[in-house]
Protein backbone atom coordinates (compact mmCIF):
# COMPACT_ATOMS: atom_id res chain seq x y z
CA MET A 1 74.59 104.63 112.01
CA ASN A 2 74.39 105.54 115.69
CA ILE A 3 75.50 102.04 116.67
CA ILE A 4 78.42 102.19 114.27
CA ILE A 5 79.50 105.60 115.60
CA GLY A 6 78.96 104.36 119.15
CA ASN A 7 81.24 101.39 118.57
CA LYS A 8 83.86 103.66 117.05
CA LEU A 9 83.65 106.01 120.04
CA LYS A 10 84.11 103.10 122.42
CA ASN A 11 87.10 101.73 120.49
CA LEU A 12 88.70 105.17 120.16
CA ARG A 13 88.22 105.86 123.88
CA LYS A 14 89.74 102.53 124.87
CA ALA A 15 92.65 103.04 122.48
CA LYS A 16 93.40 106.31 124.31
CA ASN A 17 93.04 104.56 127.71
CA MET A 18 90.35 107.02 128.70
CA SER A 19 87.27 106.48 130.82
CA GLN A 20 83.79 107.45 129.72
CA GLU A 21 83.86 110.09 132.43
CA GLN A 22 87.04 111.67 131.04
CA VAL A 23 85.57 111.92 127.55
CA ALA A 24 82.28 113.21 128.94
CA ASP A 25 84.13 115.91 130.91
CA PHE A 26 85.93 117.03 127.76
CA LEU A 27 82.58 117.26 125.95
CA ASN A 28 80.95 118.99 128.95
CA ILE A 29 78.23 116.35 129.24
CA SER A 30 77.33 113.73 131.82
CA GLN A 31 78.96 110.32 131.82
CA SER A 32 75.54 108.72 131.27
CA ALA A 33 74.92 110.92 128.21
CA TYR A 34 78.25 109.82 126.77
CA ALA A 35 77.49 106.17 127.60
CA ARG A 36 74.26 106.48 125.58
CA MET A 37 76.32 107.69 122.62
CA GLU A 38 78.61 104.67 122.85
CA ARG A 39 75.61 102.33 123.02
CA GLY A 40 74.12 103.94 119.91
CA GLU A 41 71.09 105.17 121.83
CA SER A 42 71.74 108.86 121.17
CA THR A 43 72.36 111.07 118.17
CA SER A 44 73.94 113.77 120.30
CA TRP A 45 77.38 112.74 119.06
CA ALA A 46 76.54 114.88 116.01
CA ILE A 47 76.30 117.96 118.23
CA HIS A 48 79.76 117.23 119.65
CA PHE A 49 81.20 116.13 116.31
CA ASN A 50 84.18 118.54 116.19
CA LYS A 51 85.16 118.05 119.83
CA ILE A 52 85.00 114.27 119.44
CA CYS A 53 87.35 114.47 116.46
CA GLU A 54 89.63 116.74 118.49
CA ILE A 55 89.84 114.53 121.57
CA PHE A 56 90.49 111.37 119.57
CA GLU A 57 92.73 113.15 117.05
CA ILE A 58 90.83 111.92 114.01
CA THR A 59 89.35 113.56 110.94
CA PRO A 60 85.58 113.92 110.59
CA GLU A 61 85.70 111.42 107.73
CA GLU A 62 87.31 108.82 109.98
CA LEU A 63 84.48 109.16 112.49
CA VAL A 64 81.65 108.65 110.03
CA LYS A 65 83.35 106.32 107.55
CA LYS A 66 81.69 102.93 107.56
CA GLY A 67 83.44 100.86 104.95
CA ILE A 68 79.99 99.47 104.28
CA GLY A 69 80.56 98.35 100.69
CA ASP A 70 83.29 95.80 101.31
CA SER A 71 82.03 94.43 104.61
CA VAL A 72 78.42 94.04 103.55
CA TYR A 73 79.42 92.61 100.20
CA GLU A 74 81.78 90.07 101.74
CA SER A 75 79.36 89.04 104.45
CA LEU A 76 76.28 88.78 102.26
CA VAL A 77 77.50 87.81 98.82
CA ASN A 78 79.13 84.62 97.79
CA THR A 79 78.48 84.83 94.06
CA GLU A 80 79.43 81.22 93.47
CA GLN A 81 76.63 79.98 95.73
CA GLN A 82 73.84 82.49 95.09
CA THR A 83 71.47 82.82 92.21
CA GLU A 84 71.15 85.99 90.15
CA ILE A 85 68.05 86.97 92.14
CA GLY A 86 69.92 86.47 95.41
CA VAL A 87 72.76 88.69 94.22
CA LEU A 88 70.29 91.41 93.21
CA ASN A 89 68.71 91.27 96.67
CA VAL A 90 72.11 91.71 98.28
CA TYR A 91 72.84 94.71 96.08
CA ARG A 92 69.50 96.20 97.15
CA LYS A 93 70.56 95.79 100.78
CA ILE A 94 73.89 97.48 100.08
CA ILE A 95 72.13 100.36 98.32
CA ARG A 96 69.75 100.71 101.27
CA GLN A 97 72.72 100.89 103.66
CA TYR A 98 74.21 103.70 101.57
CA GLU A 99 70.86 105.50 101.57
CA LEU A 100 70.74 105.30 105.37
CA GLN A 101 74.31 106.55 105.60
CA ILE A 102 73.43 109.54 103.39
CA GLU A 103 70.48 110.38 105.65
CA ASP A 104 72.74 110.20 108.72
CA LEU A 105 75.31 112.47 107.08
CA LYS A 106 72.56 114.96 106.18
CA MET A 107 71.59 115.04 109.86
CA ILE A 108 75.21 115.63 110.87
CA ILE A 109 75.52 118.49 108.41
CA LYS A 110 72.27 119.99 109.68
CA HIS A 111 73.54 119.88 113.30
CA LEU A 112 76.90 121.31 112.31
CA ASN A 113 75.26 124.13 110.38
CA LYS A 114 73.08 124.99 113.39
CA GLY A 115 76.25 125.58 115.38
CA LYS A 116 77.53 128.10 112.84
CA ASN A 117 74.48 130.37 113.12
C-alpha cells in the first residue's frame, strides 16, 4: 500500500506543480522524509494524512482508494484462456490484496486515533 500511496503523492504533487521541498515544508518534515513517502519506503504518510489531503485538496478516501478489484481482475484474469483452477487462484490473489488493504487502513485509523488523544 505504501508504494501505491507514494505514487499517488508523486502524481498529486506534480499535478499541483509543487516540489518535494514545498510539500515537505507544508508537512513540517524534511524533503528526504517526504521523498521516502513518495518512494513507498515510509509509512509516515499516515501520520500526516489530514494535512496531505488538505494540501492536495482531496478527500481521505481519494488518497487511500486503490481500485484494486478492476485493475487486478483485468490484468490477471482472461476467463476465456484460463482454466477454472487458474481463475480461482486469481480470485485468491484479489482477496489477498483486499486483506492487505484492510490491514493498511487499520494502521491509518490507529495513527489517526493516536492524534486525537
